[in-house]
Protein backbone atom coordinates (compact mmCIF):
# COMPACT_ATOMS: atom_id res chain seq x y z
CA MET A 1 -48.38 -69.26 49.10
CA ASN A 2 -48.71 -72.35 51.26
CA GLN A 3 -52.30 -72.98 52.23
CA GLY A 4 -51.40 -76.05 54.29
CA LEU A 5 -49.11 -74.37 56.77
CA THR A 6 -50.42 -74.25 60.32
CA ILE A 7 -49.19 -71.48 62.61
CA VAL A 8 -50.94 -70.90 65.92
CA PRO A 9 -50.44 -67.32 67.15
CA PRO A 10 -51.27 -66.29 70.71
CA PRO A 11 -54.90 -65.22 71.24
CA VAL A 12 -53.98 -61.52 71.43
CA VAL A 13 -52.31 -61.73 68.02
CA GLY A 14 -55.27 -63.54 66.53
CA GLU A 15 -57.57 -60.87 67.94
CA ALA A 16 -55.48 -58.08 66.43
CA LEU A 17 -55.54 -59.77 63.02
CA ARG A 18 -59.32 -60.25 63.21
CA ARG A 19 -60.00 -56.65 64.17
CA LEU A 20 -57.94 -55.21 61.34
CA GLU A 21 -59.41 -57.60 58.77
CA ALA A 22 -62.95 -56.89 60.01
CA GLN A 23 -62.40 -53.26 59.01
CA GLY A 24 -61.29 -54.26 55.53
CA PHE A 25 -57.51 -54.08 56.01
CA GLN A 26 -54.89 -56.68 55.25
CA ALA A 27 -53.12 -57.99 58.36
CA TRP A 28 -50.23 -60.43 58.44
CA CYS A 29 -47.82 -61.96 60.92
CA VAL A 30 -44.38 -61.11 59.56
CA GLY A 31 -40.68 -61.60 60.10
CA GLY A 32 -39.12 -63.56 62.92
CA CYS A 33 -42.34 -65.05 64.28
CA VAL A 34 -43.03 -66.70 60.91
CA ARG A 35 -39.42 -67.86 60.59
CA ASP A 36 -39.35 -69.37 64.08
CA SER A 37 -42.73 -71.02 63.66
CA LEU A 38 -41.53 -72.71 60.47
CA LEU A 39 -38.49 -73.93 62.40
CA GLY A 40 -40.73 -75.40 65.10
CA LYS A 41 -39.59 -72.85 67.68
CA ALA A 42 -41.76 -70.68 69.93
CA PRO A 43 -41.44 -67.07 68.70
CA PHE A 44 -40.14 -64.55 71.21
CA ASP A 45 -42.15 -61.71 69.63
CA TRP A 46 -45.07 -61.52 67.24
CA ASP A 47 -45.19 -58.61 64.79
CA ILE A 48 -48.08 -57.66 62.54
CA ALA A 49 -47.87 -55.77 59.25
CA THR A 50 -51.01 -54.17 57.87
CA SER A 51 -52.35 -52.11 55.00
CA ALA A 52 -54.00 -49.84 57.58
CA LEU A 53 -52.36 -46.46 58.04
CA PRO A 54 -51.40 -45.56 61.63
CA GLN A 55 -54.54 -43.47 62.18
CA GLU A 56 -56.65 -46.30 60.78
CA THR A 57 -54.95 -48.80 63.09
CA LYS A 58 -55.68 -46.53 66.04
CA ALA A 59 -59.33 -46.37 65.02
CA CYS A 60 -59.54 -50.18 65.03
CA PHE A 61 -58.49 -50.16 68.72
CA ALA A 62 -60.10 -46.90 69.79
CA GLY A 63 -60.44 -46.42 73.54
CA GLU A 64 -57.88 -49.11 74.40
CA ARG A 65 -54.30 -49.05 75.57
CA LEU A 66 -52.05 -47.98 72.70
CA VAL A 67 -48.37 -47.07 72.51
CA GLU A 68 -47.75 -44.58 69.72
CA ALA A 69 -44.03 -43.89 70.12
CA GLY A 70 -43.30 -45.44 66.72
CA ALA A 71 -46.25 -43.93 64.87
CA ALA A 72 -44.03 -41.75 62.64
CA HIS A 73 -42.60 -44.96 61.19
CA GLY A 74 -46.00 -46.64 61.05
CA THR A 75 -45.94 -48.63 64.31
CA ILE A 76 -48.75 -48.71 66.85
CA ALA A 77 -48.47 -51.15 69.75
CA TRP A 78 -51.67 -52.64 71.19
CA GLY A 79 -52.39 -55.13 73.92
CA PRO A 80 -55.21 -55.64 76.40
CA PRO A 81 -54.30 -55.39 80.10
CA GLY A 82 -52.08 -58.26 81.15
CA ASP A 83 -50.79 -59.00 77.65
CA HIS A 84 -47.47 -58.00 76.12
CA PRO A 85 -48.16 -55.23 73.54
CA ILE A 86 -48.15 -56.36 69.92
CA GLU A 87 -46.48 -54.07 67.38
CA ILE A 88 -48.71 -53.36 64.38
CA THR A 89 -46.87 -51.62 61.56
CA THR A 90 -48.16 -50.18 58.30
CA PHE A 91 -46.72 -51.63 55.10
CA ARG A 92 -43.94 -49.32 54.00
CA SER A 93 -41.06 -48.82 51.64
CA ASP A 94 -37.86 -47.07 52.69
CA GLY A 95 -36.14 -44.18 50.97
CA ALA A 96 -32.38 -43.81 50.54
CA TYR A 97 -30.05 -44.54 53.48
CA THR A 98 -27.53 -41.72 53.11
CA ASP A 99 -26.13 -42.22 56.63
CA GLY A 100 -25.89 -46.01 56.37
CA ARG A 101 -28.11 -46.39 59.41
CA HIS A 102 -31.63 -45.04 58.90
CA PRO A 103 -33.83 -44.38 55.86
CA ASP A 104 -34.07 -40.70 54.94
CA SER A 105 -37.80 -41.17 54.44
CA VAL A 106 -40.51 -43.78 54.88
CA ALA A 107 -43.44 -44.13 52.49
CA PHE A 108 -46.51 -46.00 53.69
CA SER A 109 -47.98 -48.53 51.28
CA ARG A 110 -51.09 -50.62 50.82
CA ARG A 111 -49.05 -53.46 49.27
CA LEU A 112 -47.55 -56.33 51.25
CA GLU A 113 -44.97 -56.82 48.49
CA ASP A 114 -43.46 -53.39 49.16
CA ASP A 115 -43.01 -54.21 52.83
CA LEU A 116 -41.45 -57.64 52.35
CA SER A 117 -39.02 -56.46 49.68
CA ARG A 118 -37.34 -53.97 52.05
CA ARG A 119 -36.45 -56.63 54.64
CA ASP A 120 -32.95 -57.92 55.33
CA PHE A 121 -32.89 -61.70 54.76
CA THR A 122 -35.20 -64.04 52.90
CA VAL A 123 -35.96 -66.04 56.05
CA ASN A 124 -37.24 -62.82 57.65
CA ALA A 125 -39.25 -61.73 54.60
CA MET A 126 -42.21 -64.09 54.86
CA ALA A 127 -45.77 -63.30 55.94
CA TRP A 128 -48.64 -65.44 57.17
CA SER A 129 -52.31 -64.95 57.89
CA PRO A 130 -54.96 -67.45 59.03
CA GLU A 131 -57.08 -66.79 55.95
CA THR A 132 -54.42 -66.82 53.24
CA GLY A 133 -51.57 -68.89 54.63
CA LEU A 134 -47.92 -68.25 53.84
CA VAL A 135 -46.64 -65.62 51.42
CA ASP A 136 -43.00 -66.24 50.51
CA LEU A 137 -41.87 -64.02 47.63
CA PHE A 138 -38.12 -64.50 47.98
CA GLY A 139 -37.58 -68.19 48.72
CA GLY A 140 -37.34 -67.86 52.49
CA GLN A 141 -38.89 -71.26 53.18
CA ARG A 142 -36.47 -72.93 50.77
CA ASP A 143 -33.54 -71.17 52.45
CA LEU A 144 -34.78 -72.27 55.88
CA GLN A 145 -34.87 -75.87 54.72
CA ALA A 146 -31.37 -75.50 53.25
CA GLY A 147 -29.97 -73.79 56.36
CA LEU A 148 -28.99 -70.76 54.29
CA LEU A 149 -28.96 -67.08 55.20
CA ARG A 150 -29.38 -64.93 52.11
CA CYS A 151 -30.13 -61.25 51.63
CA VAL A 152 -33.30 -60.09 49.94
CA GLY A 153 -32.22 -58.70 46.58
CA ASP A 154 -28.73 -57.24 46.18
CA PRO A 155 -26.71 -58.00 49.34
CA ALA A 156 -24.34 -55.07 48.80
CA ALA A 157 -27.32 -52.72 48.71
CA ARG A 158 -28.84 -54.26 51.85
CA PHE A 159 -25.60 -53.79 53.82
CA ASP A 160 -25.07 -50.30 52.38
CA GLU A 161 -28.52 -49.34 53.68
CA ASP A 162 -27.78 -50.46 57.23
CA ALA A 163 -24.38 -51.76 58.31
CA LEU A 164 -25.91 -53.37 61.40
CA ARG A 165 -27.23 -56.04 59.06
CA ILE A 166 -23.66 -57.37 58.82
CA LEU A 167 -23.75 -58.18 62.53
CA ARG A 168 -27.29 -59.51 62.19
CA ALA A 169 -26.07 -61.89 59.47
CA VAL A 170 -23.38 -63.25 61.78
CA ARG A 171 -25.80 -63.49 64.73
CA PHE A 172 -28.53 -65.28 62.79
CA ALA A 173 -26.06 -67.68 61.21
CA SER A 174 -24.66 -68.50 64.66
CA GLN A 175 -28.02 -68.79 66.45
CA LEU A 176 -29.71 -70.82 63.73
CA GLY A 177 -26.68 -72.89 62.77
CA PHE A 178 -26.97 -71.62 59.17
CA ARG A 179 -24.30 -70.88 56.62
CA LEU A 180 -24.14 -67.59 54.73
CA ASP A 181 -25.01 -67.56 51.06
CA PRO A 182 -21.72 -66.91 49.19
CA ASP A 183 -22.87 -63.59 47.69
CA THR A 184 -24.18 -62.44 51.07
CA ALA A 185 -20.93 -63.47 52.82
CA ARG A 186 -18.82 -61.72 50.19
CA ALA A 187 -20.81 -58.49 50.43
CA ALA A 188 -20.69 -58.56 54.24
CA PHE A 189 -16.91 -58.97 54.23
CA GLN A 190 -16.43 -56.19 51.70
CA ALA A 191 -18.61 -53.83 53.76
CA ARG A 192 -17.17 -54.82 57.15
CA ASN A 193 -15.58 -51.44 57.90
CA SER A 194 -18.96 -49.71 57.63
CA VAL A 195 -19.94 -51.26 60.98
CA ARG A 196 -17.90 -48.43 62.55
CA CYS A 197 -20.72 -46.01 61.73
CA VAL A 198 -23.23 -47.98 63.80
CA SER A 199 -23.88 -46.64 67.29
CA ALA A 200 -22.59 -48.55 70.29
CA GLU A 201 -26.15 -48.82 71.60
CA ARG A 202 -27.40 -50.62 68.46
CA ILE A 203 -24.39 -52.94 68.45
CA PHE A 204 -24.93 -53.77 72.13
CA THR A 205 -28.60 -54.53 71.52
CA GLU A 206 -27.73 -56.80 68.60
CA LEU A 207 -25.07 -58.74 70.47
CA ASP A 208 -27.05 -58.91 73.70
């Protein structure tokens, strides 16, 4: 954890964090918004991960505008009128990926560690909160400083779970000017043919 890191989220994000924490839940900014902030860039999106279950998240924002389309996977989107909705997602761990695209099951968790360990790359597996600071369990900050893109855990397993991550690796490396960790690059090359199982819509979204 890095207590000295300063990240300044938009007011709506800060309000969401405060409301969840006021009800006794953990609430963290996670993923790309933390990565971009550490790089000195303005995040495009802010995502929150929480120990609150979807129904508990809804209760924290009762009577307000909520989008529940992703509730089955733990995501509730909230935003006051005039603000872009913020996605608030319950900590979770994924089951097996037998189709190479989606987890067969999702298990909600109360542990931040479970949620971070299922993510694709170390630079996307960091969390931050105003009270606690940065949580970096997999060396994401070190990899950012080194300009390195590295899978969380076993890269072959990460690409076997979701072949789209191969394209994400190439995109992130290109956008950030990073190089691929040798083990990550090797696993991506070996799994390259599995990209054929990814839908055209997901590939378009990634490349767009």
